[in-house]
Amino acid sequence: MNKILTTCFSLAVLLAAQGVHACDYPAGVAAPDGATASKEEMIAGQKAVKNYMAKMEEYLACIEAEEAAAVLQAGELDDDTKRRRNEIFNGKYNGAVEEMNRVAEEFNIQVRAFKDRSK
């Protein structure tokens, strides 16, 4: 019984510690409407997108470091556990990259709309 309680307590401490160092997914950013936005609004939108991309790069670096630390802490893992961990990590990482691409493409669409309007 003591062994079970000790294991549960250790697991709780580990999970709490991971929560403190968890990587924060940045809040999304909306591109200004290129059909109606002023030049200043487009420039502000560009700055917001660049800031968002920088925060997403920090997030990606954080989850990479977090995963590397978790793998080191876990020690020797069986192949199935390694595969599942890898799938979860790749899902998080690839999802963030896809979101970055979506935001960049949306901003580029709005820039084209702004330029078309200015002709």
N, C-alpha and C. Protein backbone atom coordinates (compact mmCIF):
# COMPACT_ATOMS: atom_id res chain seq x y z
N MET A 1 0.81 -1.19 0.00
CA MET A 1 0.00 0.00 0.00
C MET A 1 0.86 1.26 0.00
N ASN A 2 1.92 1.28 0.81
CA ASN A 2 2.81 2.43 0.85
C ASN A 2 3.47 2.66 -0.51
N LYS A 3 3.80 1.57 -1.18
CA LYS A 3 4.44 1.68 -2.49
C LYS A 3 3.50 2.35 -3.49
N ILE A 4 2.23 2.01 -3.43
CA ILE A 4 1.24 2.60 -4.32
C ILE A 4 1.09 4.09 -4.02
N LEU A 5 1.00 4.44 -2.75
CA LEU A 5 0.88 5.85 -2.38
C LEU A 5 2.11 6.65 -2.79
N THR A 6 3.28 6.07 -2.59
CA THR A 6 4.51 6.74 -2.98
C THR A 6 4.56 6.95 -4.48
N THR A 7 4.15 5.94 -5.24
CA THR A 7 4.13 6.05 -6.69
C THR A 7 3.14 7.11 -7.13
N CYS A 8 1.95 7.13 -6.56
CA CYS A 8 0.93 8.13 -6.90
C CYS A 8 1.42 9.54 -6.57
N PHE A 9 2.04 9.69 -5.40
CA PHE A 9 2.56 10.99 -5.01
C PHE A 9 3.66 11.45 -5.97
N SER A 10 4.55 10.55 -6.32
CA SER A 10 5.63 10.89 -7.25
C SER A 10 5.08 11.31 -8.60
N LEU A 11 4.08 10.59 -9.06
CA LEU A 11 3.45 10.91 -10.34
C LEU A 11 2.78 12.28 -10.27
N ALA A 12 2.10 12.56 -9.18
CA ALA A 12 1.44 13.86 -9.01
C ALA A 12 2.45 15.00 -9.01
N VAL A 13 3.57 14.82 -8.32
CA VAL A 13 4.62 15.84 -8.29
C VAL A 13 5.20 16.05 -9.67
N LEU A 14 5.43 14.98 -10.40
CA LEU A 14 5.98 15.06 -11.75
C LEU A 14 5.02 15.81 -12.66
N LEU A 15 3.74 15.48 -12.62
CA LEU A 15 2.76 16.15 -13.46
C LEU A 15 2.62 17.63 -13.09
N ALA A 16 2.68 17.94 -11.83
CA ALA A 16 2.59 19.33 -11.40
C ALA A 16 3.81 20.10 -11.88
N ALA A 17 4.97 19.51 -11.81
CA ALA A 17 6.20 20.17 -12.27
C ALA A 17 6.15 20.42 -13.77
N GLN A 18 5.60 19.47 -14.52
CA GLN A 18 5.50 19.66 -15.96
C GLN A 18 4.54 20.79 -16.28
N GLY A 19 3.48 20.93 -15.51
CA GLY A 19 2.52 22.00 -15.72
C GLY A 19 3.12 23.38 -15.55
N VAL A 20 4.06 23.50 -14.63
CA VAL A 20 4.71 24.78 -14.38
C VAL A 20 5.56 25.17 -15.58
N HIS A 21 6.18 24.21 -16.22
CA HIS A 21 7.09 24.48 -17.33
C HIS A 21 6.44 24.21 -18.68
N ALA A 22 5.13 24.08 -18.72
CA ALA A 22 4.44 23.78 -19.96
C ALA A 22 4.64 24.92 -20.96
N CYS A 23 4.68 24.56 -22.21
CA CYS A 23 4.83 25.54 -23.28
C CYS A 23 3.46 26.13 -23.60
N ASP A 24 3.41 27.44 -23.68
CA ASP A 24 2.15 28.12 -23.96
C ASP A 24 1.99 28.33 -25.46
N TYR A 25 0.87 27.83 -25.99
CA TYR A 25 0.54 28.01 -27.40
C TYR A 25 0.09 29.46 -27.58
N PRO A 26 0.74 30.20 -28.47
CA PRO A 26 0.39 31.61 -28.64
C PRO A 26 -1.05 31.81 -29.14
N ALA A 27 -1.64 32.91 -28.71
CA ALA A 27 -2.97 33.26 -29.20
C ALA A 27 -2.87 33.61 -30.68
N GLY A 28 -3.90 33.28 -31.40
CA GLY A 28 -3.93 33.55 -32.84
C GLY A 28 -3.97 35.04 -33.14
N VAL A 29 -3.76 35.35 -34.39
CA VAL A 29 -3.77 36.73 -34.84
C VAL A 29 -4.61 36.78 -36.11
N ALA A 30 -5.39 37.83 -36.25
CA ALA A 30 -6.23 38.00 -37.43
C ALA A 30 -5.60 39.04 -38.36
N ALA A 31 -5.58 38.71 -39.63
CA ALA A 31 -5.07 39.65 -40.63
C ALA A 31 -6.11 40.73 -40.88
N PRO A 32 -5.67 41.95 -41.12
CA PRO A 32 -6.63 43.00 -41.46
C PRO A 32 -7.28 42.70 -42.81
N ASP A 33 -8.44 43.23 -43.04
CA ASP A 33 -9.15 43.03 -44.30
C ASP A 33 -8.51 43.92 -45.35
N GLY A 34 -7.82 43.32 -46.27
CA GLY A 34 -7.10 44.08 -47.31
C GLY A 34 -8.01 44.89 -48.20
N ALA A 35 -9.27 44.53 -48.29
CA ALA A 35 -10.21 45.26 -49.13
C ALA A 35 -10.61 46.60 -48.53
N THR A 36 -10.45 46.75 -47.21
CA THR A 36 -10.88 47.99 -46.55
C THR A 36 -9.83 48.62 -45.66
N ALA A 37 -8.77 47.92 -45.33
CA ALA A 37 -7.77 48.41 -44.37
C ALA A 37 -6.94 49.55 -44.94
N SER A 38 -6.53 50.44 -44.05
CA SER A 38 -5.60 51.51 -44.44
C SER A 38 -4.18 50.94 -44.49
N LYS A 39 -3.28 51.73 -45.04
CA LYS A 39 -1.88 51.32 -45.09
C LYS A 39 -1.34 51.09 -43.68
N GLU A 40 -1.71 51.96 -42.75
CA GLU A 40 -1.26 51.84 -41.36
C GLU A 40 -1.79 50.55 -40.73
N GLU A 41 -3.04 50.21 -41.03
CA GLU A 41 -3.62 48.97 -40.50
C GLU A 41 -2.91 47.75 -41.08
N MET A 42 -2.54 47.83 -42.34
CA MET A 42 -1.82 46.71 -42.96
C MET A 42 -0.43 46.55 -42.34
N ILE A 43 0.23 47.68 -42.08
CA ILE A 43 1.56 47.63 -41.45
C ILE A 43 1.43 47.07 -40.03
N ALA A 44 0.41 47.51 -39.30
CA ALA A 44 0.19 46.98 -37.95
C ALA A 44 -0.12 45.49 -38.00
N GLY A 45 -0.88 45.08 -39.00
CA GLY A 45 -1.18 43.66 -39.18
C GLY A 45 0.08 42.86 -39.47
N GLN A 46 0.95 43.42 -40.30
CA GLN A 46 2.22 42.75 -40.61
C GLN A 46 3.06 42.57 -39.35
N LYS A 47 3.11 43.62 -38.53
CA LYS A 47 3.87 43.52 -37.27
C LYS A 47 3.26 42.47 -36.35
N ALA A 48 1.93 42.41 -36.30
CA ALA A 48 1.26 41.42 -35.45
C ALA A 48 1.55 40.01 -35.94
N VAL A 49 1.54 39.82 -37.25
CA VAL A 49 1.83 38.49 -37.81
C VAL A 49 3.28 38.11 -37.53
N LYS A 50 4.21 39.04 -37.71
CA LYS A 50 5.62 38.75 -37.42
C LYS A 50 5.81 38.39 -35.94
N ASN A 51 5.15 39.12 -35.06
CA ASN A 51 5.22 38.84 -33.62
C ASN A 51 4.66 37.45 -33.32
N TYR A 52 3.54 37.14 -33.93
CA TYR A 52 2.91 35.82 -33.76
C TYR A 52 3.86 34.72 -34.23
N MET A 53 4.48 34.92 -35.38
CA MET A 53 5.41 33.90 -35.92
C MET A 53 6.59 33.71 -34.97
N ALA A 54 7.09 34.78 -34.41
CA ALA A 54 8.21 34.68 -33.46
C ALA A 54 7.77 33.89 -32.22
N LYS A 55 6.56 34.17 -31.72
CA LYS A 55 6.06 33.43 -30.56
C LYS A 55 5.85 31.97 -30.90
N MET A 56 5.39 31.68 -32.11
CA MET A 56 5.21 30.28 -32.51
C MET A 56 6.56 29.57 -32.62
N GLU A 57 7.58 30.26 -33.10
CA GLU A 57 8.92 29.67 -33.15
C GLU A 57 9.41 29.33 -31.74
N GLU A 58 9.14 30.23 -30.79
CA GLU A 58 9.49 29.97 -29.39
C GLU A 58 8.72 28.75 -28.87
N TYR A 59 7.45 28.66 -29.24
CA TYR A 59 6.63 27.52 -28.82
C TYR A 59 7.21 26.22 -29.38
N LEU A 60 7.57 26.22 -30.67
CA LEU A 60 8.14 25.01 -31.27
C LEU A 60 9.44 24.61 -30.58
N ALA A 61 10.29 25.58 -30.30
CA ALA A 61 11.55 25.28 -29.60
C ALA A 61 11.25 24.74 -28.20
N CYS A 62 10.24 25.29 -27.55
CA CYS A 62 9.88 24.86 -26.21
C CYS A 62 9.38 23.42 -26.21
N ILE A 63 8.48 23.08 -27.15
CA ILE A 63 7.97 21.70 -27.13
C ILE A 63 9.05 20.71 -27.53
N GLU A 64 10.00 21.13 -28.37
CA GLU A 64 11.13 20.25 -28.70
C GLU A 64 11.97 19.98 -27.45
N ALA A 65 12.28 21.04 -26.71
CA ALA A 65 13.09 20.90 -25.50
C ALA A 65 12.33 20.10 -24.44
N GLU A 66 11.04 20.36 -24.32
CA GLU A 66 10.20 19.65 -23.34
C GLU A 66 10.17 18.15 -23.66
N GLU A 67 10.02 17.82 -24.93
CA GLU A 67 9.97 16.41 -25.32
C GLU A 67 11.32 15.73 -25.09
N ALA A 68 12.39 16.42 -25.45
CA ALA A 68 13.73 15.85 -25.24
C ALA A 68 13.97 15.58 -23.75
N ALA A 69 13.58 16.53 -22.90
CA ALA A 69 13.74 16.34 -21.46
C ALA A 69 12.87 15.19 -20.95
N ALA A 70 11.65 15.09 -21.45
CA ALA A 70 10.75 14.01 -21.02
C ALA A 70 11.30 12.64 -21.43
N VAL A 71 11.87 12.56 -22.62
CA VAL A 71 12.43 11.29 -23.08
C VAL A 71 13.63 10.91 -22.23
N LEU A 72 14.48 11.88 -21.91
CA LEU A 72 15.63 11.61 -21.05
C LEU A 72 15.19 11.15 -19.67
N GLN A 73 14.17 11.82 -19.14
CA GLN A 73 13.69 11.48 -17.81
C GLN A 73 13.03 10.10 -17.79
N ALA A 74 12.37 9.75 -18.87
CA ALA A 74 11.66 8.47 -18.92
C ALA A 74 12.62 7.29 -18.99
N GLY A 75 13.80 7.53 -19.50
CA GLY A 75 14.77 6.43 -19.61
C GLY A 75 14.43 5.50 -20.76
N GLU A 76 14.69 4.24 -20.57
CA GLU A 76 14.47 3.24 -21.62
C GLU A 76 12.98 2.99 -21.81
N LEU A 77 12.51 3.17 -23.03
CA LEU A 77 11.09 2.96 -23.35
C LEU A 77 10.96 1.85 -24.38
N ASP A 78 9.85 1.14 -24.32
CA ASP A 78 9.62 0.10 -25.33
C ASP A 78 9.25 0.78 -26.65
N ASP A 79 9.34 0.03 -27.74
CA ASP A 79 9.12 0.59 -29.08
C ASP A 79 7.73 1.17 -29.26
N ASP A 80 6.71 0.53 -28.70
CA ASP A 80 5.35 1.03 -28.85
C ASP A 80 5.19 2.37 -28.15
N THR A 81 5.75 2.52 -26.98
CA THR A 81 5.68 3.78 -26.24
C THR A 81 6.43 4.87 -26.99
N LYS A 82 7.60 4.55 -27.52
CA LYS A 82 8.37 5.51 -28.30
C LYS A 82 7.57 5.98 -29.51
N ARG A 83 6.93 5.03 -30.20
CA ARG A 83 6.14 5.35 -31.39
C ARG A 83 4.98 6.27 -31.02
N ARG A 84 4.27 5.96 -29.94
CA ARG A 84 3.13 6.79 -29.52
C ARG A 84 3.59 8.19 -29.11
N ARG A 85 4.68 8.27 -28.36
CA ARG A 85 5.22 9.59 -27.96
C ARG A 85 5.58 10.40 -29.19
N ASN A 86 6.22 9.72 -30.15
CA ASN A 86 6.64 10.39 -31.38
C ASN A 86 5.43 10.89 -32.17
N GLU A 87 4.39 10.09 -32.25
CA GLU A 87 3.17 10.50 -32.95
C GLU A 87 2.53 11.72 -32.29
N ILE A 88 2.47 11.71 -30.97
CA ILE A 88 1.88 12.84 -30.24
C ILE A 88 2.71 14.10 -30.46
N PHE A 89 4.02 13.97 -30.32
CA PHE A 89 4.89 15.13 -30.52
C PHE A 89 4.76 15.66 -31.94
N ASN A 90 4.83 14.77 -32.93
CA ASN A 90 4.73 15.20 -34.33
C ASN A 90 3.39 15.86 -34.61
N GLY A 91 2.32 15.38 -33.99
CA GLY A 91 1.01 16.00 -34.16
C GLY A 91 0.99 17.43 -33.64
N LYS A 92 1.55 17.63 -32.45
CA LYS A 92 1.61 18.98 -31.87
C LYS A 92 2.47 19.90 -32.74
N TYR A 93 3.64 19.41 -33.12
CA TYR A 93 4.58 20.21 -33.88
C TYR A 93 4.01 20.55 -35.25
N ASN A 94 3.55 19.53 -35.96
CA ASN A 94 3.03 19.75 -37.30
C ASN A 94 1.77 20.61 -37.29
N GLY A 95 0.94 20.46 -36.27
CA GLY A 95 -0.25 21.30 -36.15
C GLY A 95 0.12 22.77 -36.00
N ALA A 96 1.14 23.04 -35.21
CA ALA A 96 1.59 24.42 -35.02
C ALA A 96 2.16 24.98 -36.32
N VAL A 97 2.95 24.18 -37.04
CA VAL A 97 3.52 24.64 -38.31
C VAL A 97 2.40 24.90 -39.33
N GLU A 98 1.41 24.02 -39.37
CA GLU A 98 0.28 24.23 -40.28
C GLU A 98 -0.46 25.52 -39.94
N GLU A 99 -0.62 25.81 -38.66
CA GLU A 99 -1.28 27.05 -38.25
C GLU A 99 -0.45 28.27 -38.66
N MET A 100 0.85 28.17 -38.53
CA MET A 100 1.71 29.27 -38.97
C MET A 100 1.56 29.51 -40.47
N ASN A 101 1.53 28.42 -41.24
CA ASN A 101 1.36 28.54 -42.69
C ASN A 101 0.00 29.14 -43.03
N ARG A 102 -1.03 28.75 -42.28
CA ARG A 102 -2.38 29.28 -42.54
C ARG A 102 -2.42 30.78 -42.28
N VAL A 103 -1.83 31.21 -41.17
CA VAL A 103 -1.81 32.64 -40.83
C VAL A 103 -1.03 33.42 -41.88
N ALA A 104 0.12 32.91 -42.30
CA ALA A 104 0.92 33.60 -43.31
C ALA A 104 0.16 33.69 -44.63
N GLU A 105 -0.46 32.61 -45.03
CA GLU A 105 -1.21 32.62 -46.29
C GLU A 105 -2.39 33.58 -46.22
N GLU A 106 -3.10 33.60 -45.10
CA GLU A 106 -4.23 34.53 -44.94
C GLU A 106 -3.74 35.97 -45.02
N PHE A 107 -2.62 36.27 -44.39
CA PHE A 107 -2.10 37.63 -44.46
C PHE A 107 -1.70 37.98 -45.89
N ASN A 108 -1.06 37.03 -46.58
CA ASN A 108 -0.65 37.28 -47.98
C ASN A 108 -1.86 37.52 -48.87
N ILE A 109 -2.95 36.82 -48.65
CA ILE A 109 -4.18 37.05 -49.41
C ILE A 109 -4.68 38.48 -49.18
N GLN A 110 -4.63 38.91 -47.93
CA GLN A 110 -5.10 40.26 -47.60
C GLN A 110 -4.16 41.33 -48.17
N VAL A 111 -2.86 41.05 -48.23
CA VAL A 111 -1.91 41.98 -48.84
C VAL A 111 -2.21 42.12 -50.33
N ARG A 112 -2.48 41.00 -51.00
CA ARG A 112 -2.82 41.05 -52.42
C ARG A 112 -4.11 41.85 -52.64
N ALA A 113 -5.09 41.65 -51.76
CA ALA A 113 -6.34 42.40 -51.87
C ALA A 113 -6.08 43.89 -51.67
N PHE A 114 -5.22 44.24 -50.74
CA PHE A 114 -4.87 45.63 -50.49
C PHE A 114 -4.18 46.23 -51.71
N LYS A 115 -3.24 45.48 -52.26
CA LYS A 115 -2.51 45.99 -53.45
C LYS A 115 -3.44 46.12 -54.65
N ASP A 116 -4.33 45.16 -54.84
CA ASP A 116 -5.27 45.23 -55.95
C ASP A 116 -6.17 46.45 -55.82
N ARG A 117 -6.55 46.78 -54.62
CA ARG A 117 -7.41 47.92 -54.37
C ARG A 117 -6.68 49.23 -54.65
N SER A 118 -5.37 49.21 -54.45
CA SER A 118 -4.57 50.42 -54.61
C SER A 118 -4.21 50.71 -56.06
N LYS A 119 -4.50 49.80 -56.98
CA LYS A 119 -4.14 50.00 -58.40
C LYS A 119 -5.04 51.00 -59.07
